[in-house]
Amino acid sequence: MPSSARPGDRHETAYDRRRLRQWLAGEAKADGVSRRRLLTLLAATATATAAGTALTTPASASAARTTADAVADRPILKPLPPEWFIERGTNAETRWEALRGTGHHTPNELFFVRNHTATPVLDADDWRLRLWGSGLRGAPGEDRPVEFGYDDLRALPAVTRTAFVECAGNGRSFYSTQQGETVTGTAWTLGAIGVARWRGVRLSDVLRRAGLTYHAVDVQPRGLDAEYVSGGESLGRVRRPLPLAKALDDVLLAYEMNGERLPHDHGYPVRVVVPSWVGIASIKWVGDIEVSAQPLFSPWNTTFYRLFGPAHPEGGSAPLSRQTVKSAFELASGATFAAGRGYVLHGRSWSGAGAVAHVEVSTDGGATWRPARLHDQPRAGTWTRWSLDWRPAAPGATHLLARATDTAGRTQPDVAVPNTQGYLFDAVVRHPVSVV
């Protein structure tokens, strides 16, 4: 098994194979995906070994109304000062040096933004969440949905959960800069992640109130942002199904973020939060959810969010689910230190498979390693802050390295197994600094 494979991958690959076979038997839905593509994926599952779970299929548009059209030249609404963010088209990456001293939770104003199109401005008074599909009692289609308004959700029992949201492509640029690999996609460094205290309702509570039946197998939320166009073709609104088991586990429909109303750029009025999974699962501006008695497929779990390349099956891996283990310094790239002076290095490590068990740091380019001090009680679904004392002895250029190990036994490797779309980079990152 490649080093990028994670605990549970075999189970998730088997789940994907079963779903694809159901499609072949006419027992699944694959809107927007060609038969040829699905046949290729079905053939590939015989040898699939990497990352996994599901995304996808088109559902219905919500009755929610856009009260102010998203402006094309302003895909992100909040201020993006250059000392906090690196702007990347419709996205904004958080600078790690801006997180120094901010506490465990990422302030809303510093939280990274991943948009497929542009942030819509929605009116909570007009917003409705529609649940529909063959997995609900008495609601076989969009013509007879079960609806919840904003106040309806807020009247349900609320829960609060600390969890990270991280883009699947976080760290993508290092495939090129550290490993010389050619990959596609936004050239994130490590700032496409944030941890927040989310408040909302359990998706499981909403599903059961909507009339969930034992026939349901997939649950697919869809956003209310504009349709996504790729290669001149509209793929529809962003949508990604979850296996029912995950939907009933720890998934939230969140309406607050760090004690405040959910900001527009982060999904107002309501978003999905899927702890520990790749960010595409945490659909923003959710407007409808298809609950299906059939497996669901779409471009987001067939063309995107699988691993392709020489190290993976010809048709791609199973769809991505849990995030990898990573570490980052709260420090600008190329930072300068004075020789002979004492410093405290700070950073954070996280994993989608469990809590961070320990962190090692090298201040000499990987020649030697020392254990870092952990400043948080390690917990799954969030990061752990750490620090290390350092007194650089002599002038010159060097690299700082941090290497985390999680409670599932995964340790960051020296080299990440490449894939053409640059997902799930997990190798130790070489952070350049200068000593003068």
Protein backbone atom coordinates (compact mmCIF):
# COMPACT_ATOMS: atom_id res chain seq x y z
CA MET A 1 0.00 0.00 0.00
CA PRO A 2 1.43 3.47 -0.86
CA SER A 3 2.57 5.60 2.08
CA SER A 4 -0.28 8.04 1.37
CA ALA A 5 -2.90 5.39 2.16
CA ARG A 6 -4.70 5.88 5.44
CA PRO A 7 -6.48 3.66 7.99
CA GLY A 8 -9.87 2.68 6.66
CA ASP A 9 -8.88 3.08 2.99
CA ARG A 10 -9.56 -0.58 2.23
CA HIS A 11 -13.06 -0.24 3.67
CA GLU A 12 -13.72 2.93 1.69
CA THR A 13 -12.44 1.42 -1.54
CA ALA A 14 -14.77 -1.55 -1.06
CA TYR A 15 -17.64 0.88 -0.48
CA ASP A 16 -16.80 2.72 -3.70
CA ARG A 17 -16.57 -0.54 -5.65
CA ARG A 18 -20.00 -1.63 -4.38
CA ARG A 19 -21.53 1.71 -5.39
CA LEU A 20 -20.05 1.52 -8.87
CA ARG A 21 -21.40 -1.98 -9.35
CA GLN A 22 -24.82 -0.75 -8.30
CA TRP A 23 -24.57 1.88 -11.01
CA LEU A 24 -23.73 -0.81 -13.56
CA ALA A 25 -26.85 -2.72 -12.47
CA GLY A 26 -29.01 0.39 -12.92
CA GLU A 27 -29.31 0.97 -9.17
CA ALA A 28 -27.40 4.25 -8.91
CA LYS A 29 -27.57 7.81 -10.25
CA ALA A 30 -24.74 9.48 -12.15
CA ASP A 31 -25.94 12.87 -13.37
CA GLY A 32 -23.35 14.74 -15.41
CA VAL A 33 -20.95 11.77 -15.65
CA SER A 34 -20.40 9.71 -18.79
CA ARG A 35 -20.88 5.96 -18.90
CA ARG A 36 -17.31 5.62 -20.15
CA ARG A 37 -15.99 7.49 -17.11
CA LEU A 38 -17.86 5.27 -14.68
CA LEU A 39 -16.80 2.09 -16.46
CA THR A 40 -13.19 3.24 -16.18
CA LEU A 41 -13.63 3.82 -12.46
CA LEU A 42 -15.30 0.46 -12.03
CA ALA A 43 -12.36 -1.29 -13.70
CA ALA A 44 -9.92 0.66 -11.54
CA THR A 45 -11.46 -0.37 -8.21
CA ALA A 46 -10.04 -3.88 -8.59
CA THR A 47 -6.62 -2.41 -7.79
CA ALA A 48 -7.56 0.76 -5.91
CA THR A 49 -5.47 1.37 -2.81
CA ALA A 50 -5.65 5.06 -1.93
CA ALA A 51 -7.80 7.64 -0.13
CA GLY A 52 -11.54 7.32 0.04
CA THR A 53 -15.20 8.16 0.26
CA ALA A 54 -17.93 9.74 -1.76
CA LEU A 55 -19.03 13.08 -3.11
CA THR A 56 -21.82 14.00 -5.53
CA THR A 57 -24.97 14.17 -7.93
CA PRO A 58 -27.27 16.96 -8.83
CA ALA A 59 -30.20 17.79 -6.60
CA SER A 60 -32.73 20.60 -6.56
CA ALA A 61 -32.15 24.29 -6.20
CA SER A 62 -33.38 25.85 -2.97
CA ALA A 63 -36.03 28.54 -2.80
CA ALA A 64 -33.43 30.71 -1.12
CA ARG A 65 -33.05 34.06 -2.84
CA THR A 66 -29.90 35.98 -3.65
CA THR A 67 -30.46 39.50 -2.30
CA ALA A 68 -27.29 40.94 -3.85
CA ASP A 69 -25.65 39.38 -6.85
CA ALA A 70 -22.05 38.32 -6.31
CA VAL A 71 -19.82 40.79 -8.12
CA ALA A 72 -17.51 39.07 -10.60
CA ASP A 73 -14.49 41.16 -9.62
CA ARG A 74 -15.14 40.58 -5.90
CA PRO A 75 -15.41 36.82 -5.46
CA ILE A 76 -14.63 37.26 -1.74
CA LEU A 77 -16.47 39.89 0.30
CA LYS A 78 -14.34 40.31 3.43
CA PRO A 79 -11.17 42.45 3.47
CA LEU A 80 -8.01 40.60 2.39
CA PRO A 81 -5.06 42.63 3.71
CA PRO A 82 -1.81 41.33 2.19
CA GLU A 83 -0.22 40.85 5.61
CA TRP A 84 -2.96 38.29 6.36
CA PHE A 85 -3.72 36.66 3.02
CA ILE A 86 -2.31 35.56 -0.30
CA GLU A 87 -5.02 36.08 -2.92
CA ARG A 88 -5.35 33.20 -5.36
CA GLY A 89 -8.11 34.02 -7.86
CA THR A 90 -11.45 33.23 -6.22
CA ASN A 91 -9.57 31.96 -3.15
CA ALA A 92 -7.58 33.48 -0.28
CA GLU A 93 -4.83 31.64 1.61
CA THR A 94 -4.07 32.54 5.22
CA ARG A 95 -0.47 33.53 5.94
CA TRP A 96 0.86 31.37 8.75
CA GLU A 97 2.76 34.24 10.35
CA ALA A 98 -0.61 36.01 10.80
CA LEU A 99 -1.80 33.15 13.05
CA ARG A 100 0.95 33.68 15.62
CA GLY A 101 -0.68 34.40 18.99
CA THR A 102 -4.27 34.03 17.76
CA GLY A 103 -5.17 31.10 20.03
CA HIS A 104 -6.53 27.70 19.13
CA HIS A 105 -9.39 28.90 16.94
CA THR A 106 -8.72 30.81 13.73
CA PRO A 107 -10.38 34.25 13.92
CA ASN A 108 -13.11 34.60 11.32
CA GLU A 109 -11.35 37.51 9.66
CA LEU A 110 -8.20 35.35 9.22
CA PHE A 111 -9.93 32.17 8.05
CA PHE A 112 -8.95 31.05 4.54
CA VAL A 113 -11.53 31.18 1.72
CA ARG A 114 -12.08 28.48 -0.90
CA ASN A 115 -14.68 29.50 -3.50
CA HIS A 116 -15.49 27.69 -6.72
CA THR A 117 -17.16 30.86 -8.05
CA ALA A 118 -18.03 33.90 -5.92
CA THR A 119 -19.57 34.44 -2.50
CA PRO A 120 -23.35 34.86 -2.78
CA VAL A 121 -25.21 37.23 -0.45
CA LEU A 122 -28.27 35.37 0.78
CA ASP A 123 -31.24 36.45 2.90
CA ALA A 124 -31.83 34.15 5.87
CA ASP A 125 -35.51 35.17 6.01
CA ASP A 126 -36.06 33.76 2.52
CA TRP A 127 -33.66 30.82 2.82
CA ARG A 128 -35.04 27.32 2.89
CA LEU A 129 -33.29 23.97 3.24
CA ARG A 130 -35.02 21.37 1.07
CA LEU A 131 -34.60 17.68 1.79
CA TRP A 132 -35.84 15.32 -0.88
CA GLY A 133 -35.18 11.98 -2.53
CA SER A 134 -35.90 8.28 -2.49
CA GLY A 135 -34.36 7.83 0.96
CA LEU A 136 -37.10 9.86 2.66
CA ARG A 137 -40.54 8.73 3.64
CA GLY A 138 -43.15 10.31 1.35
CA ALA A 139 -40.66 12.56 -0.49
CA PRO A 140 -39.50 10.72 -3.61
CA GLY A 141 -38.58 13.83 -5.58
CA GLU A 142 -38.11 17.57 -5.59
CA ASP A 143 -41.82 18.07 -6.14
CA ARG A 144 -42.54 16.99 -2.56
CA PRO A 145 -39.61 18.17 -0.47
CA VAL A 146 -39.41 18.57 3.27
CA GLU A 147 -38.40 22.14 4.11
CA PHE A 148 -36.73 23.82 7.05
CA GLY A 149 -36.39 27.58 7.42
CA TYR A 150 -33.56 29.34 9.20
CA ASP A 151 -35.59 29.78 12.38
CA ASP A 152 -36.69 26.15 12.18
CA LEU A 153 -33.07 25.00 12.34
CA ARG A 154 -32.20 27.37 15.17
CA ALA A 155 -35.14 26.02 17.17
CA LEU A 156 -33.68 22.48 17.09
CA PRO A 157 -31.25 21.24 19.79
CA ALA A 158 -27.90 22.93 19.12
CA VAL A 159 -24.42 21.47 19.42
CA THR A 160 -21.00 23.10 19.32
CA ARG A 161 -17.96 21.39 17.84
CA THR A 162 -14.37 22.51 17.23
CA ALA A 163 -13.15 21.23 13.86
CA PHE A 164 -10.79 22.15 11.07
CA VAL A 165 -11.84 22.76 7.49
CA GLU A 166 -9.01 22.16 5.01
CA CYS A 167 -8.89 22.18 1.24
CA ALA A 168 -7.87 18.84 -0.29
CA GLY A 169 -5.18 20.73 -2.22
CA ASN A 170 -3.57 22.33 0.83
CA GLY A 171 0.21 22.06 0.37
CA ARG A 172 -0.17 21.43 -3.39
CA SER A 173 2.66 23.78 -4.35
CA PHE A 174 5.22 21.59 -2.56
CA TYR A 175 4.71 18.79 -5.07
CA SER A 176 6.41 21.19 -7.50
CA THR A 177 8.82 23.17 -5.31
CA GLN A 178 10.09 20.27 -3.17
CA GLN A 179 9.55 17.24 -5.39
CA GLY A 180 9.72 18.58 -8.95
CA GLU A 181 6.31 17.15 -9.84
CA THR A 182 3.90 18.81 -12.27
CA VAL A 183 0.41 19.15 -10.80
CA THR A 184 -2.71 21.17 -11.59
CA GLY A 185 -4.83 23.37 -9.35
CA THR A 186 -4.44 26.32 -6.99
CA ALA A 187 -0.84 26.55 -5.75
CA TRP A 188 -1.61 26.57 -2.03
CA THR A 189 1.28 26.45 0.41
CA LEU A 190 -0.10 25.38 3.85
CA GLY A 191 -2.61 28.14 4.54
CA ALA A 192 -5.75 26.51 3.14
CA ILE A 193 -6.88 25.41 6.60
CA GLY A 194 -8.62 26.94 9.57
CA VAL A 195 -10.03 25.72 12.88
CA ALA A 196 -13.29 27.15 14.18
CA ARG A 197 -15.84 26.56 16.91
CA TRP A 198 -18.94 25.69 14.89
CA ARG A 199 -22.45 25.84 16.33
CA GLY A 200 -25.45 24.34 14.62
CA VAL A 201 -27.64 21.25 14.50
CA ARG A 202 -26.72 17.65 13.84
CA LEU A 203 -27.43 16.63 10.28
CA SER A 204 -28.69 13.35 11.74
CA ASP A 205 -31.42 15.19 13.68
CA VAL A 206 -32.59 16.99 10.54
CA LEU A 207 -32.57 13.80 8.47
CA ARG A 208 -34.65 11.94 11.00
CA ARG A 209 -37.17 14.78 11.30
CA ALA A 210 -37.41 14.79 7.49
CA GLY A 211 -38.43 11.13 7.47
CA LEU A 212 -35.22 9.17 6.89
CA THR A 213 -35.87 5.55 5.91
CA TYR A 214 -33.71 2.45 6.23
CA HIS A 215 -33.41 2.43 2.42
CA ALA A 216 -31.18 5.55 2.38
CA VAL A 217 -27.54 5.02 1.42
CA ASP A 218 -26.23 8.46 0.34
CA VAL A 219 -26.87 12.01 1.51
CA GLN A 220 -25.87 14.80 -0.85
CA PRO A 221 -25.83 18.50 0.09
CA ARG A 222 -25.69 21.12 -2.66
CA GLY A 223 -24.66 24.77 -2.40
CA LEU A 224 -26.40 27.94 -3.54
CA ASP A 225 -23.40 29.60 -5.15
CA ALA A 226 -23.32 29.96 -8.93
CA GLU A 227 -22.88 26.99 -11.23
CA TYR A 228 -19.25 25.95 -11.67
CA VAL A 229 -17.87 26.04 -15.21
CA SER A 230 -14.87 23.85 -16.09
CA GLY A 231 -13.44 23.55 -19.59
CA GLY A 232 -16.34 25.56 -20.98
CA GLU A 233 -18.91 23.14 -19.51
CA SER A 234 -21.23 23.93 -16.62
CA LEU A 235 -21.04 21.22 -13.98
CA GLY A 236 -23.89 22.72 -11.97
CA ARG A 237 -23.76 23.85 -8.38
CA VAL A 238 -21.15 22.33 -6.10
CA ARG A 239 -22.50 19.11 -4.60
CA ARG A 240 -21.01 16.12 -2.85
CA PRO A 241 -22.77 13.12 -1.32
CA LEU A 242 -21.77 11.50 1.93
CA PRO A 243 -22.29 7.88 2.92
CA LEU A 244 -25.22 7.69 5.32
CA ALA A 245 -22.95 6.37 8.09
CA LYS A 246 -20.87 9.56 8.03
CA ALA A 247 -23.92 11.81 7.70
CA LEU A 248 -25.38 10.26 10.86
CA ASP A 249 -22.08 10.47 12.76
CA ASP A 250 -20.60 13.92 13.42
CA VAL A 251 -21.73 16.15 10.53
CA LEU A 252 -23.18 19.57 11.40
CA LEU A 253 -25.43 22.07 9.69
CA ALA A 254 -23.66 25.11 11.11
CA TYR A 255 -25.06 28.64 11.42
CA GLU A 256 -22.45 30.12 13.79
CA MET A 257 -18.67 30.34 13.59
CA ASN A 258 -16.57 31.22 16.65
CA GLY A 259 -19.61 32.61 18.47
CA GLU A 260 -20.72 34.85 15.62
CA ARG A 261 -23.26 34.56 12.86
CA LEU A 262 -21.73 32.59 10.01
CA PRO A 263 -19.96 35.11 7.72
CA HIS A 264 -21.06 35.31 4.07
CA ASP A 265 -17.70 34.05 2.78
CA HIS A 266 -17.95 31.03 5.04
CA GLY A 267 -21.43 29.87 4.14
CA TYR A 268 -24.13 32.17 5.56
CA PRO A 269 -26.82 31.40 6.39
CA VAL A 270 -26.04 27.68 6.83
CA ARG A 271 -23.17 25.43 5.79
CA VAL A 272 -22.23 21.78 6.17
CA VAL A 273 -19.25 20.92 8.40
CA VAL A 274 -17.78 17.43 7.96
CA PRO A 275 -15.05 17.02 10.60
CA SER A 276 -11.69 15.57 9.52
CA TRP A 277 -12.68 15.22 5.85
CA VAL A 278 -11.44 17.15 2.81
CA GLY A 279 -13.00 20.60 2.59
CA ILE A 280 -15.11 19.88 -0.50
CA ALA A 281 -17.39 17.81 1.76
CA SER A 282 -18.22 20.86 3.90
CA ILE A 283 -20.59 22.50 1.42
CA LYS A 284 -21.12 26.23 1.96
CA TRP A 285 -24.45 28.04 1.46
CA VAL A 286 -26.29 24.72 1.54
CA GLY A 287 -29.71 24.93 -0.10
CA ASP A 288 -30.86 21.36 -0.61
CA ILE A 289 -29.95 17.84 0.40
CA GLU A 290 -30.82 14.78 -1.62
CA VAL A 291 -31.35 11.69 0.52
CA SER A 292 -31.05 8.76 -1.82
CA ALA A 293 -31.79 5.05 -1.72
CA GLN A 294 -29.37 4.78 -4.65
CA PRO A 295 -25.63 5.56 -4.74
CA LEU A 296 -24.89 9.00 -6.19
CA PHE A 297 -22.14 10.14 -8.56
CA SER A 298 -21.16 13.46 -10.12
CA PRO A 299 -18.03 15.16 -11.49
CA TRP A 300 -16.96 15.94 -7.92
CA ASN A 301 -16.28 12.31 -7.08
CA THR A 302 -15.31 11.01 -10.52
CA THR A 303 -13.27 13.66 -12.34
CA PHE A 304 -12.28 15.60 -9.20
CA TYR A 305 -11.26 14.50 -5.70
CA ARG A 306 -9.73 11.18 -6.61
CA LEU A 307 -6.02 10.45 -6.94
CA PHE A 308 -4.70 10.00 -10.49
CA GLY A 309 -1.17 9.31 -11.68
CA PRO A 310 1.41 6.54 -12.09
CA ALA A 311 1.24 5.55 -8.39
CA HIS A 312 -2.53 5.11 -8.50
CA PRO A 313 -4.98 2.89 -10.41
CA GLU A 314 -5.53 3.88 -14.03
CA GLY A 315 -9.06 5.09 -13.35
CA GLY A 316 -8.14 6.83 -10.11
CA SER A 317 -8.40 6.03 -6.43
CA ALA A 318 -11.61 5.90 -4.43
CA PRO A 319 -13.04 9.39 -3.73
CA LEU A 320 -11.15 11.35 -1.08
CA SER A 321 -12.43 11.52 2.48
CA ARG A 322 -10.14 12.00 5.48
CA GLN A 323 -7.35 14.53 5.46
CA THR A 324 -3.66 13.71 5.78
CA VAL A 325 -1.25 14.60 8.60
CA LYS A 326 0.55 17.94 8.25
CA SER A 327 2.62 20.47 10.21
CA ALA A 328 3.32 24.18 9.75
CA PHE A 329 5.42 26.85 11.44
CA GLU A 330 3.78 30.13 12.50
CA LEU A 331 6.49 31.88 10.57
CA ALA A 332 7.00 33.63 7.26
CA SER A 333 8.98 31.84 4.57
CA GLY A 334 12.53 33.24 4.51
CA ALA A 335 12.35 34.69 8.04
CA THR A 336 15.62 36.01 9.48
CA PHE A 337 17.15 35.11 12.87
CA ALA A 338 20.22 36.45 14.68
CA ALA A 339 23.02 33.99 15.48
CA GLY A 340 23.56 33.40 19.20
CA ARG A 341 20.14 34.73 20.22
CA GLY A 342 17.46 32.55 21.83
CA TYR A 343 14.09 32.07 20.09
CA VAL A 344 10.93 30.07 20.58
CA LEU A 345 9.59 28.48 17.38
CA HIS A 346 5.83 27.94 17.23
CA GLY A 347 3.70 25.80 14.97
CA ARG A 348 0.64 23.58 14.61
CA SER A 349 0.08 19.99 13.47
CA TRP A 350 -3.12 18.17 12.52
CA SER A 351 -4.49 14.98 11.00
CA GLY A 352 -7.76 13.65 9.64
CA ALA A 353 -7.23 10.16 11.06
CA GLY A 354 -6.87 11.01 14.74
CA ALA A 355 -5.27 13.33 17.27
CA VAL A 356 -1.63 14.41 16.98
CA ALA A 357 0.40 12.19 19.33
CA HIS A 358 3.77 13.94 19.08
CA VAL A 359 5.75 16.40 16.97
CA GLU A 360 9.48 16.49 16.18
CA VAL A 361 11.33 19.56 14.91
CA SER A 362 14.64 19.88 13.07
CA THR A 363 16.49 23.20 12.91
CA ASP A 364 19.36 21.93 10.78
CA GLY A 365 17.65 20.80 7.61
CA GLY A 366 16.73 17.35 8.93
CA ALA A 367 20.13 16.24 10.26
CA THR A 368 18.85 16.04 13.86
CA TRP A 369 15.41 16.08 15.48
CA ARG A 370 14.04 17.15 18.88
CA PRO A 371 10.58 16.67 20.41
CA ALA A 372 8.41 19.77 20.52
CA ARG A 373 6.31 20.82 23.52
CA LEU A 374 2.58 20.33 22.88
CA HIS A 375 0.33 23.15 24.09
CA ASP A 376 -3.08 21.58 23.53
CA GLN A 377 -4.66 18.38 24.75
CA PRO A 378 -4.52 16.34 21.53
CA ARG A 379 -7.99 15.87 20.04
CA ALA A 380 -9.24 14.44 16.79
CA GLY A 381 -10.62 16.84 14.19
CA THR A 382 -8.50 19.82 15.20
CA TRP A 383 -4.87 20.86 15.35
CA THR A 384 -2.37 20.80 18.20
CA ARG A 385 -0.16 23.83 18.87
CA TRP A 386 3.48 23.26 19.79
CA SER A 387 6.76 25.09 20.41
CA LEU A 388 10.51 24.51 20.55
CA ASP A 389 13.41 26.59 21.88
CA TRP A 390 16.13 27.42 19.36
CA ARG A 391 19.42 29.31 19.58
CA PRO A 392 20.98 29.37 16.09
CA ALA A 393 24.74 29.07 16.41
CA ALA A 394 26.17 30.29 13.13
CA PRO A 395 25.10 32.51 10.21
CA GLY A 396 23.85 30.93 7.02
CA ALA A 397 20.78 29.59 5.27
CA THR A 398 18.97 26.55 6.68
CA HIS A 399 15.59 24.85 6.73
CA LEU A 400 13.25 24.29 9.65
CA LEU A 401 11.29 21.03 9.52
CA ALA A 402 8.37 19.76 11.60
CA ARG A 403 7.17 16.15 11.56
CA ALA A 404 3.97 14.97 13.26
CA THR A 405 2.71 11.52 14.18
CA ASP A 406 -0.98 10.90 14.88
CA THR A 407 -2.76 8.42 17.12
CA ALA A 408 -3.49 6.22 14.08
CA GLY A 409 0.27 5.70 13.71
CA ARG A 410 0.74 7.89 10.63
CA THR A 411 3.95 9.93 10.48
CA GLN A 412 4.68 12.57 7.85
CA PRO A 413 6.98 11.05 5.20
CA ASP A 414 9.96 12.71 3.56
CA VAL A 415 8.25 12.49 0.15
CA ALA A 416 4.53 12.58 -0.66
CA VAL A 417 3.19 10.10 -3.23
CA PRO A 418 2.35 12.39 -6.18
CA ASN A 419 -0.95 12.67 -8.01
CA THR A 420 -1.78 14.79 -11.04
CA GLN A 421 -4.22 17.14 -9.27
CA GLY A 422 -1.95 17.71 -6.29
CA TYR A 423 -4.23 16.52 -3.50
CA LEU A 424 -3.32 15.39 0.03
CA PHE A 425 0.30 16.54 0.26
CA ASP A 426 1.57 15.06 3.54
CA ALA A 427 5.37 15.21 3.40
CA VAL A 428 7.52 17.21 5.80
CA VAL A 429 7.75 20.77 4.48
CA ARG A 430 11.18 22.40 4.32
CA HIS A 431 10.72 25.93 5.71
CA PRO A 432 13.58 28.20 4.56
CA VAL A 433 15.11 30.69 7.02
CA SER A 434 18.31 32.75 7.24
CA VAL A 435 20.60 33.19 10.22
CA VAL A 436 22.67 36.39 10.28
